[in-house]
Amino acid sequence: CNLTTQAFKDRLIRLLRYNPLNAERVATVALSVQDKPDLDFDGFVNAMRFATPVTSLMELRTRLQQRHGDIAAGLRLLDLGSLDDISVDIFERPLLLEGV
């Protein structure tokens, strides 16, 4: 059973009593993990796996490898060309989109 984005948000609001803003946030994270507009069971399970926060750099490394195939590809998607001068501010928004 595939759910459209709106159907997924409606179920979050109705069944889990999420407010519309939180339902939108959850749907955004869940659907950003896959490249399809609808959410199926496998996509949901995958989204929940990547929505779990990482608690160490080793877990971040593992997450980037799982999600993007290798660390370099993950860092490129985070717009990091060099690891020399990294600030936490660089990571904040992109990592939120990665489910970190």
PDB file of N, CA and C in Angstrom:
ATOM      1  N   CYS A   1       0.846  -1.182   0.000  1.00  0.00           N
ATOM      2  CA  CYS A   1       0.000   0.000   0.000  1.00  0.00           C
ATOM      3  C   CYS A   1       0.890   1.243   0.000  1.00  0.00           C
ATOM      4  N   ASN A   2       0.822   2.023  -1.042  1.00  0.00           N
ATOM      5  CA  ASN A   2       1.580   3.263  -1.119  1.00  0.00           C
ATOM      6  C   ASN A   2       0.740   4.426  -0.621  1.00  0.00           C
ATOM      7  N   LEU A   3       1.391   5.349   0.080  1.00  0.00           N
ATOM      8  CA  LEU A   3       0.731   6.546   0.567  1.00  0.00           C
ATOM      9  C   LEU A   3       1.301   7.760  -0.147  1.00  0.00           C
ATOM     10  N   THR A   4       0.430   8.652  -0.585  1.00  0.00           N
ATOM     11  CA  THR A   4       0.905   9.930  -1.101  1.00  0.00           C
ATOM     12  C   THR A   4       1.369  10.766   0.091  1.00  0.00           C
ATOM     13  N   THR A   5       2.070  11.826  -0.194  1.00  0.00           N
ATOM     14  CA  THR A   5       2.550  12.706   0.873  1.00  0.00           C
ATOM     15  C   THR A   5       1.388  13.210   1.718  1.00  0.00           C
ATOM     16  N   GLN A   6       0.340  13.670   1.060  1.00  0.00           N
ATOM     17  CA  GLN A   6      -0.807  14.211   1.804  1.00  0.00           C
ATOM     18  C   GLN A   6      -1.496  13.127   2.634  1.00  0.00           C
ATOM     19  N   ALA A   7      -1.642  11.942   2.084  1.00  0.00           N
ATOM     20  CA  ALA A   7      -2.276  10.846   2.832  1.00  0.00           C
ATOM     21  C   ALA A   7      -1.436  10.472   4.053  1.00  0.00           C
ATOM     22  N   PHE A   8      -0.112  10.488   3.903  1.00  0.00           N
ATOM     23  CA  PHE A   8       0.777  10.189   5.021  1.00  0.00           C
ATOM     24  C   PHE A   8       0.615  11.242   6.116  1.00  0.00           C
ATOM     25  N   LYS A   9       0.605  12.524   5.731  1.00  0.00           N
ATOM     26  CA  LYS A   9       0.423  13.597   6.715  1.00  0.00           C
ATOM     27  C   LYS A   9      -0.943  13.494   7.397  1.00  0.00           C
ATOM     28  N   ASP A  10      -1.984  13.204   6.617  1.00  0.00           N
ATOM     29  CA  ASP A  10      -3.325  13.073   7.193  1.00  0.00           C
ATOM     30  C   ASP A  10      -3.375  11.960   8.241  1.00  0.00           C
ATOM     31  N   ARG A  11      -2.708  10.847   7.968  1.00  0.00           N
ATOM     32  CA  ARG A  11      -2.692   9.737   8.934  1.00  0.00           C
ATOM     33  C   ARG A  11      -1.908  10.100  10.184  1.00  0.00           C
ATOM     34  N   LEU A  12      -0.816  10.843  10.025  1.00  0.00           N
ATOM     35  CA  LEU A  12      -0.063  11.292  11.194  1.00  0.00           C
ATOM     36  C   LEU A  12      -0.918  12.186  12.083  1.00  0.00           C
ATOM     37  N   ILE A  13      -1.682  13.050  11.454  1.00  0.00           N
ATOM     38  CA  ILE A  13      -2.550  13.962  12.208  1.00  0.00           C
ATOM     39  C   ILE A  13      -3.691  13.198  12.872  1.00  0.00           C
ATOM     40  N   ARG A  14      -4.331  12.335  12.119  1.00  0.00           N
ATOM     41  CA  ARG A  14      -5.510  11.637  12.620  1.00  0.00           C
ATOM     42  C   ARG A  14      -5.161  10.530  13.618  1.00  0.00           C
ATOM     43  N   LEU A  15      -4.188   9.688  13.277  1.00  0.00           N
ATOM     44  CA  LEU A  15      -3.905   8.525  14.115  1.00  0.00           C
ATOM     45  C   LEU A  15      -2.955   8.819  15.273  1.00  0.00           C
ATOM     46  N   LEU A  16      -1.950   9.646  15.018  1.00  0.00           N
ATOM     47  CA  LEU A  16      -0.964   9.927  16.063  1.00  0.00           C
ATOM     48  C   LEU A  16      -1.170  11.280  16.730  1.00  0.00           C
ATOM     49  N   ARG A  17      -2.185  11.999  16.279  1.00  0.00           N
ATOM     50  CA  ARG A  17      -2.549  13.299  16.828  1.00  0.00           C
ATOM     51  C   ARG A  17      -1.425  14.328  16.719  1.00  0.00           C
ATOM     52  N   TYR A  18      -0.671  14.246  15.617  1.00  0.00           N
ATOM     53  CA  TYR A  18       0.365  15.249  15.348  1.00  0.00           C
ATOM     54  C   TYR A  18      -0.321  16.539  14.928  1.00  0.00           C
ATOM     55  N   ASN A  19       0.300  17.663  15.238  1.00  0.00           N
ATOM     56  CA  ASN A  19      -0.227  18.911  14.686  1.00  0.00           C
ATOM     57  C   ASN A  19       0.266  19.008  13.237  1.00  0.00           C
ATOM     58  N   PRO A  20      -0.356  19.843  12.419  1.00  0.00           N
ATOM     59  CA  PRO A  20       0.015  19.898  10.993  1.00  0.00           C
ATOM     60  C   PRO A  20       1.500  20.208  10.743  1.00  0.00           C
ATOM     61  N   LEU A  21       2.095  21.061  11.565  1.00  0.00           N
ATOM     62  CA  LEU A  21       3.502  21.393  11.368  1.00  0.00           C
ATOM     63  C   LEU A  21       4.401  20.181  11.614  1.00  0.00           C
ATOM     64  N   ASN A  22       4.153  19.452  12.682  1.00  0.00           N
ATOM     65  CA  ASN A  22       4.953  18.261  12.964  1.00  0.00           C
ATOM     66  C   ASN A  22       4.716  17.165  11.924  1.00  0.00           C
ATOM     67  N   ALA A  23       3.486  17.036  11.465  1.00  0.00           N
ATOM     68  CA  ALA A  23       3.197  16.061  10.410  1.00  0.00           C
ATOM     69  C   ALA A  23       3.973  16.411   9.140  1.00  0.00           C
ATOM     70  N   GLU A  24       4.052  17.689   8.819  1.00  0.00           N
ATOM     71  CA  GLU A  24       4.813  18.147   7.649  1.00  0.00           C
ATOM     72  C   GLU A  24       6.293  17.825   7.820  1.00  0.00           C
ATOM     73  N   ARG A  25       6.818  18.042   9.010  1.00  0.00           N
ATOM     74  CA  ARG A  25       8.233  17.770   9.275  1.00  0.00           C
ATOM     75  C   ARG A  25       8.543  16.277   9.135  1.00  0.00           C
ATOM     76  N   VAL A  26       7.706  15.443   9.718  1.00  0.00           N
ATOM     77  CA  VAL A  26       7.926  13.994   9.641  1.00  0.00           C
ATOM     78  C   VAL A  26       7.837  13.524   8.193  1.00  0.00           C
ATOM     79  N   ALA A  27       6.847  14.019   7.472  1.00  0.00           N
ATOM     80  CA  ALA A  27       6.686  13.626   6.067  1.00  0.00           C
ATOM     81  C   ALA A  27       7.888  14.082   5.240  1.00  0.00           C
ATOM     82  N   THR A  28       8.395  15.261   5.513  1.00  0.00           N
ATOM     83  CA  THR A  28       9.560  15.762   4.777  1.00  0.00           C
ATOM     84  C   THR A  28      10.758  14.859   4.996  1.00  0.00           C
ATOM     85  N   VAL A  29      11.010  14.485   6.244  1.00  0.00           N
ATOM     86  CA  VAL A  29      12.139  13.594   6.542  1.00  0.00           C
ATOM     87  C   VAL A  29      11.917  12.230   5.899  1.00  0.00           C
ATOM     88  N   ALA A  30      10.729  11.674   6.060  1.00  0.00           N
ATOM     89  CA  ALA A  30      10.454  10.334   5.545  1.00  0.00           C
ATOM     90  C   ALA A  30      10.577  10.273   4.026  1.00  0.00           C
ATOM     91  N   LEU A  31      10.098  11.297   3.348  1.00  0.00           N
ATOM     92  CA  LEU A  31      10.118  11.275   1.888  1.00  0.00           C
ATOM     93  C   LEU A  31      11.448  11.741   1.305  1.00  0.00           C
ATOM     94  N   SER A  32      12.289  12.399   2.107  1.00  0.00           N
ATOM     95  CA  SER A  32      13.588  12.837   1.598  1.00  0.00           C
ATOM     96  C   SER A  32      14.570  11.679   1.464  1.00  0.00           C
ATOM     97  N   VAL A  33      14.285  10.573   2.136  1.00  0.00           N
ATOM     98  CA  VAL A  33      15.176   9.416   2.108  1.00  0.00           C
ATOM     99  C   VAL A  33      15.068   8.664   0.796  1.00  0.00           C
ATOM    100  N   GLN A  34      13.925   8.731   0.154  1.00  0.00           N
ATOM    101  CA  GLN A  34      13.735   7.988  -1.092  1.00  0.00           C
ATOM    102  C   GLN A  34      13.462   8.958  -2.229  1.00  0.00           C
ATOM    103  N   ASP A  35      13.569   8.482  -3.428  1.00  0.00           N
ATOM    104  CA  ASP A  35      13.386   9.322  -4.604  1.00  0.00           C
ATOM    105  C   ASP A  35      12.000   9.196  -5.215  1.00  0.00           C
ATOM    106  N   LYS A  36      11.084   8.549  -4.501  1.00  0.00           N
ATOM    107  CA  LYS A  36       9.727   8.352  -5.016  1.00  0.00           C
ATOM    108  C   LYS A  36       8.767   9.311  -4.316  1.00  0.00           C
ATOM    109  N   PRO A  37       7.713   9.756  -5.001  1.00  0.00           N
ATOM    110  CA  PRO A  37       6.766  10.680  -4.371  1.00  0.00           C
ATOM    111  C   PRO A  37       5.831   9.999  -3.374  1.00  0.00           C
ATOM    112  N   ASP A  38       5.687   8.682  -3.472  1.00  0.00           N
ATOM    113  CA  ASP A  38       4.818   7.945  -2.562  1.00  0.00           C
ATOM    114  C   ASP A  38       5.657   7.168  -1.562  1.00  0.00           C
ATOM    115  N   LEU A  39       5.053   6.870  -0.429  1.00  0.00           N
ATOM    116  CA  LEU A  39       5.750   6.150   0.630  1.00  0.00           C
ATOM    117  C   LEU A  39       5.147   4.753   0.749  1.00  0.00           C
ATOM    118  N   ASP A  40       5.964   3.734   0.506  1.00  0.00           N
ATOM    119  CA  ASP A  40       5.512   2.361   0.703  1.00  0.00           C
ATOM    120  C   ASP A  40       6.142   1.827   1.991  1.00  0.00           C
ATOM    121  N   PHE A  41       5.848   0.580   2.343  1.00  0.00           N
ATOM    122  CA  PHE A  41       6.331   0.025   3.604  1.00  0.00           C
ATOM    123  C   PHE A  41       7.851   0.015   3.670  1.00  0.00           C
ATOM    124  N   ASP A  42       8.509  -0.447   2.609  1.00  0.00           N
ATOM    125  CA  ASP A  42       9.973  -0.484   2.600  1.00  0.00           C
ATOM    126  C   ASP A  42      10.561   0.921   2.714  1.00  0.00           C
ATOM    127  N   GLY A  43       9.949   1.870   2.041  1.00  0.00           N
ATOM    128  CA  GLY A  43      10.401   3.261   2.136  1.00  0.00           C
ATOM    129  C   GLY A  43      10.247   3.814   3.534  1.00  0.00           C
ATOM    130  N   PHE A  44       9.152   3.456   4.196  1.00  0.00           N
ATOM    131  CA  PHE A  44       8.928   3.906   5.567  1.00  0.00           C
ATOM    132  C   PHE A  44       9.975   3.320   6.509  1.00  0.00           C
ATOM    133  N   VAL A  45      10.237   2.027   6.382  1.00  0.00           N
ATOM    134  CA  VAL A  45      11.245   1.371   7.225  1.00  0.00           C
ATOM    135  C   VAL A  45      12.609   2.005   6.984  1.00  0.00           C
ATOM    136  N   ASN A  46      12.940   2.247   5.734  1.00  0.00           N
ATOM    137  CA  ASN A  46      14.208   2.877   5.394  1.00  0.00           C
ATOM    138  C   ASN A  46      14.294   4.292   5.975  1.00  0.00           C
ATOM    139  N   ALA A  47      13.216   5.046   5.874  1.00  0.00           N
ATOM    140  CA  ALA A  47      13.185   6.403   6.416  1.00  0.00           C
ATOM    141  C   ALA A  47      13.387   6.394   7.931  1.00  0.00           C
ATOM    142  N   MET A  48      12.764   5.452   8.603  1.00  0.00           N
ATOM    143  CA  MET A  48      12.917   5.394  10.057  1.00  0.00           C
ATOM    144  C   MET A  48      14.343   5.017  10.448  1.00  0.00           C
ATOM    145  N   ARG A  49      14.988   4.194   9.636  1.00  0.00           N
ATOM    146  CA  ARG A  49      16.379   3.845   9.916  1.00  0.00           C
ATOM    147  C   ARG A  49      17.271   5.073   9.813  1.00  0.00           C
ATOM    148  N   PHE A  50      17.038   5.897   8.795  1.00  0.00           N
ATOM    149  CA  PHE A  50      17.859   7.084   8.623  1.00  0.00           C
ATOM    150  C   PHE A  50      17.396   8.254   9.481  1.00  0.00           C
ATOM    151  N   ALA A  51      16.226   8.188  10.056  1.00  0.00           N
ATOM    152  CA  ALA A  51      15.743   9.257  10.926  1.00  0.00           C
ATOM    153  C   ALA A  51      16.315   9.143  12.332  1.00  0.00           C
ATOM    154  N   THR A  52      16.867   7.992  12.666  1.00  0.00           N
ATOM    155  CA  THR A  52      17.471   7.810  13.975  1.00  0.00           C
ATOM    156  C   THR A  52      18.725   8.669  14.075  1.00  0.00           C
ATOM    157  N   PRO A  53      18.838   9.516  15.090  1.00  0.00           N
ATOM    158  CA  PRO A  53      20.014  10.386  15.204  1.00  0.00           C
ATOM    159  C   PRO A  53      21.303   9.596  15.406  1.00  0.00           C
ATOM    160  N   VAL A  54      22.386  10.121  14.882  1.00  0.00           N
ATOM    161  CA  VAL A  54      23.699   9.539  15.153  1.00  0.00           C
ATOM    162  C   VAL A  54      24.271  10.233  16.382  1.00  0.00           C
ATOM    163  N   THR A  55      25.082   9.506  17.132  1.00  0.00           N
ATOM    164  CA  THR A  55      25.614  10.064  18.378  1.00  0.00           C
ATOM    165  C   THR A  55      27.132  10.153  18.385  1.00  0.00           C
ATOM    166  N   SER A  56      27.763   9.789  17.274  1.00  0.00           N
ATOM    167  CA  SER A  56      29.217   9.877  17.202  1.00  0.00           C
ATOM    168  C   SER A  56      29.648  10.080  15.759  1.00  0.00           C
ATOM    169  N   LEU A  57      30.888  10.476  15.585  1.00  0.00           N
ATOM    170  CA  LEU A  57      31.404  10.632  14.226  1.00  0.00           C
ATOM    171  C   LEU A  57      31.485   9.291  13.511  1.00  0.00           C
ATOM    172  N   MET A  58      31.727   8.218  14.259  1.00  0.00           N
ATOM    173  CA  MET A  58      31.765   6.893  13.652  1.00  0.00           C
ATOM    174  C   MET A  58      30.384   6.520  13.097  1.00  0.00           C
ATOM    175  N   GLU A  59      29.337   6.838  13.856  1.00  0.00           N
ATOM    176  CA  GLU A  59      27.985   6.582  13.356  1.00  0.00           C
ATOM    177  C   GLU A  59      27.669   7.469  12.151  1.00  0.00           C
ATOM    178  N   LEU A  60      28.160   8.718  12.158  1.00  0.00           N
ATOM    179  CA  LEU A  60      27.966   9.596  11.008  1.00  0.00           C
ATOM    180  C   LEU A  60      28.656   9.003   9.785  1.00  0.00           C
ATOM    181  N   ARG A  61      29.870   8.511   9.967  1.00  0.00           N
ATOM    182  CA  ARG A  61      30.608   7.874   8.870  1.00  0.00           C
ATOM    183  C   ARG A  61      29.813   6.696   8.311  1.00  0.00           C
ATOM    184  N   THR A  62      29.303   5.862   9.199  1.00  0.00           N
ATOM    185  CA  THR A  62      28.515   4.697   8.787  1.00  0.00           C
ATOM    186  C   THR A  62      27.251   5.133   8.056  1.00  0.00           C
ATOM    187  N   ARG A  63      26.584   6.156   8.574  1.00  0.00           N
ATOM    188  CA  ARG A  63      25.352   6.657   7.954  1.00  0.00           C
ATOM    189  C   ARG A  63      25.618   7.169   6.546  1.00  0.00           C
ATOM    190  N   LEU A  64      26.693   7.939   6.385  1.00  0.00           N
ATOM    191  CA  LEU A  64      27.017   8.472   5.065  1.00  0.00           C
ATOM    192  C   LEU A  64      27.329   7.351   4.082  1.00  0.00           C
ATOM    193  N   GLN A  65      28.029   6.330   4.545  1.00  0.00           N
ATOM    194  CA  GLN A  65      28.325   5.184   3.671  1.00  0.00           C
ATOM    195  C   GLN A  65      27.055   4.439   3.293  1.00  0.00           C
ATOM    196  N   GLN A  66      26.168   4.201   4.254  1.00  0.00           N
ATOM    197  CA  GLN A  66      24.919   3.487   3.972  1.00  0.00           C
ATOM    198  C   GLN A  66      24.047   4.277   3.007  1.00  0.00           C
ATOM    199  N   ARG A  67      23.949   5.561   3.238  1.00  0.00           N
ATOM    200  CA  ARG A  67      23.017   6.394   2.477  1.00  0.00           C
ATOM    201  C   ARG A  67      23.530   6.742   1.084  1.00  0.00           C
ATOM    202  N   HIS A  68      24.859   6.976   0.966  1.00  0.00           N
ATOM    203  CA  HIS A  68      25.393   7.512  -0.283  1.00  0.00           C
ATOM    204  C   HIS A  68      26.444   6.630  -0.946  1.00  0.00           C
ATOM    205  N   GLY A  69      26.731   5.482  -0.372  1.00  0.00           N
ATOM    206  CA  GLY A  69      27.690   4.564  -0.981  1.00  0.00           C
ATOM    207  C   GLY A  69      29.106   4.724  -0.478  1.00  0.00           C
ATOM    208  N   ASP A  70      29.531   5.954  -0.272  1.00  0.00           N
ATOM    209  CA  ASP A  70      30.842   6.189   0.331  1.00  0.00           C
ATOM    210  C   ASP A  70      30.853   7.554   1.017  1.00  0.00           C
ATOM    211  N   ILE A  71      31.857   7.765   1.839  1.00  0.00           N
ATOM    212  CA  ILE A  71      31.925   8.987   2.640  1.00  0.00           C
ATOM    213  C   ILE A  71      32.119  10.215   1.758  1.00  0.00           C
ATOM    214  N   ALA A  72      32.961  10.095   0.742  1.00  0.00           N
ATOM    215  CA  ALA A  72      33.236  11.242  -0.133  1.00  0.00           C
ATOM    216  C   ALA A  72      31.950  11.746  -0.797  1.00  0.00           C
ATOM    217  N   ALA A  73      31.108  10.831  -1.258  1.00  0.00           N
ATOM    218  CA  ALA A  73      29.838  11.235  -1.885  1.00  0.00           C
ATOM    219  C   ALA A  73      28.939  11.933  -0.876  1.00  0.00           C
ATOM    220  N   GLY A  74      28.883  11.412   0.336  1.00  0.00           N
ATOM    221  CA  GLY A  74      28.088  12.042   1.383  1.00  0.00           C
ATOM    222  C   GLY A  74      28.587  13.428   1.724  1.00  0.00           C
ATOM    223  N   LEU A  75      29.896  13.588   1.813  1.00  0.00           N
ATOM    224  CA  LEU A  75      30.466  14.905   2.105  1.00  0.00           C
ATOM    225  C   LEU A  75      30.228  15.877   0.960  1.00  0.00           C
ATOM    226  N   ARG A  76      30.283  15.393  -0.279  1.00  0.00           N
ATOM    227  CA  ARG A  76      29.983  16.274  -1.425  1.00  0.00           C
ATOM    228  C   ARG A  76      28.541  16.772  -1.350  1.00  0.00           C
ATOM    229  N   LEU A  77      27.626  15.893  -0.982  1.00  0.00           N
ATOM    230  CA  LEU A  77      26.228  16.313  -0.867  1.00  0.00           C
ATOM    231  C   LEU A  77      26.014  17.291   0.274  1.00  0.00           C
ATOM    232  N   LEU A  78      26.903  17.258   1.257  1.00  0.00           N
ATOM    233  CA  LEU A  78      26.845  18.219   2.357  1.00  0.00           C
ATOM    234  C   LEU A  78      27.596  19.507   2.020  1.00  0.00           C
ATOM    235  N   ASP A  79      28.086  19.600   0.787  1.00  0.00           N
ATOM    236  CA  ASP A  79      28.862  20.756   0.311  1.00  0.00           C
ATOM    237  C   ASP A  79      30.144  20.963   1.104  1.00  0.00           C
ATOM    238  N   LEU A  80      30.819  19.885   1.422  1.00  0.00           N
ATOM    239  CA  LEU A  80      32.108  19.962   2.099  1.00  0.00           C
ATOM    240  C   LEU A  80      33.191  19.514   1.137  1.00  0.00           C
ATOM    241  N   GLY A  81      34.020  20.453   0.722  1.00  0.00           N
ATOM    242  CA  GLY A  81      35.092  20.102  -0.189  1.00  0.00           C
ATOM    243  C   GLY A  81      36.329  19.626   0.542  1.00  0.00           C
ATOM    244  N   SER A  82      36.563  20.186   1.727  1.00  0.00           N
ATOM    245  CA  SER A  82      37.750  19.850   2.507  1.00  0.00           C
ATOM    246  C   SER A  82      37.355  19.651   3.962  1.00  0.00           C
ATOM    247  N   LEU A  83      38.058  18.778   4.617  1.00  0.00           N
ATOM    248  CA  LEU A  83      37.790  18.525   6.032  1.00  0.00           C
ATOM    249  C   LEU A  83      38.698  19.351   6.940  1.00  0.00           C
ATOM    250  N   ASP A  84      39.478  20.271   6.356  1.00  0.00           N
ATOM    251  CA  ASP A  84      40.448  21.035   7.139  1.00  0.00           C
ATOM    252  C   ASP A  84      39.794  21.978   8.142  1.00  0.00           C
ATOM    253  N   ASP A  85      38.860  22.771   7.681  1.00  0.00           N
ATOM    254  CA  ASP A  85      38.229  23.773   8.547  1.00  0.00           C
ATOM    255  C   ASP A  85      36.733  23.510   8.630  1.00  0.00           C
ATOM    256  N   ILE A  86      36.343  22.626   9.509  1.00  0.00           N
ATOM    257  CA  ILE A  86      34.927  22.272   9.643  1.00  0.00           C
ATOM    258  C   ILE A  86      34.380  22.889  10.920  1.00  0.00           C
ATOM    259  N   SER A  87      33.264  23.567  10.769  1.00  0.00           N
ATOM    260  CA  SER A  87      32.547  24.150  11.895  1.00  0.00           C
ATOM    261  C   SER A  87      31.219  23.420  12.044  1.00  0.00           C
ATOM    262  N   VAL A  88      30.702  23.378  13.253  1.00  0.00           N
ATOM    263  CA  VAL A  88      29.406  22.729  13.475  1.00  0.00           C
ATOM    264  C   VAL A  88      28.307  23.423  12.678  1.00  0.00           C
ATOM    265  N   ASP A  89      28.467  24.720  12.416  1.00  0.00           N
ATOM    266  CA  ASP A  89      27.469  25.465  11.645  1.00  0.00           C
ATOM    267  C   ASP A  89      27.337  24.933  10.214  1.00  0.00           C
ATOM    268  N   ILE A  90      28.409  24.400   9.678  1.00  0.00           N
ATOM    269  CA  ILE A  90      28.378  23.849   8.331  1.00  0.00           C
ATOM    270  C   ILE A  90      27.446  22.635   8.284  1.00  0.00           C
ATOM    271  N   PHE A  91      27.405  21.878   9.361  1.00  0.00           N
ATOM    272  CA  PHE A  91      26.658  20.623   9.390  1.00  0.00           C
ATOM    273  C   PHE A  91      25.182  20.777   9.726  1.00  0.00           C
ATOM    274  N   GLU A  92      24.797  21.831  10.411  1.00  0.00           N
ATOM    275  CA  GLU A  92      23.465  21.900  10.995  1.00  0.00           C
ATOM    276  C   GLU A  92      22.327  21.623  10.011  1.00  0.00           C
ATOM    277  N   ARG A  93      22.152  22.440   8.997  1.00  0.00           N
ATOM    278  CA  ARG A  93      21.028  22.259   8.079  1.00  0.00           C
ATOM    279  C   ARG A  93      21.149  20.990   7.230  1.00  0.00           C
ATOM    280  N   PRO A  94      22.314  20.747   6.582  1.00  0.00           N
ATOM    281  CA  PRO A  94      22.396  19.533   5.772  1.00  0.00           C
ATOM    282  C   PRO A  94      22.179  18.251   6.568  1.00  0.00           C
ATOM    283  N   LEU A  95      22.666  18.219   7.803  1.00  0.00           N
ATOM    284  CA  LEU A  95      22.503  17.002   8.592  1.00  0.00           C
ATOM    285  C   LEU A  95      21.063  16.802   9.025  1.00  0.00           C
ATOM    286  N   LEU A  96      20.340  17.877   9.232  1.00  0.00           N
ATOM    287  CA  LEU A  96      18.921  17.733   9.526  1.00  0.00           C
ATOM    288  C   LEU A  96      18.214  17.052   8.370  1.00  0.00           C
ATOM    289  N   LEU A  97      18.613  17.400   7.159  1.00  0.00           N
ATOM    290  CA  LEU A  97      18.008  16.775   5.980  1.00  0.00           C
ATOM    291  C   LEU A  97      18.418  15.307   5.829  1.00  0.00           C
ATOM    292  N   GLU A  98      19.541  14.930   6.431  1.00  0.00           N
ATOM    293  CA  GLU A  98      19.995  13.543   6.387  1.00  0.00           C
ATOM    294  C   GLU A  98      19.383  12.723   7.517  1.00  0.00           C
ATOM    295  N   GLY A  99      18.619  13.361   8.385  1.00  0.00           N
ATOM    296  CA  GLY A  99      18.003  12.628   9.484  1.00  0.00           C
ATOM    297  C   GLY A  99      18.936  12.452  10.666  1.00  0.00           C
ATOM    298  N   VAL A 100      19.873  13.368  10.814  1.00  0.00           N
ATOM    299  CA  VAL A 100      20.821  13.273  11.921  1.00  0.00           C
ATOM    300  C   VAL A 100      20.373  14.177  13.036  1.00  0.00           C
TER     301      VAL A 100
END
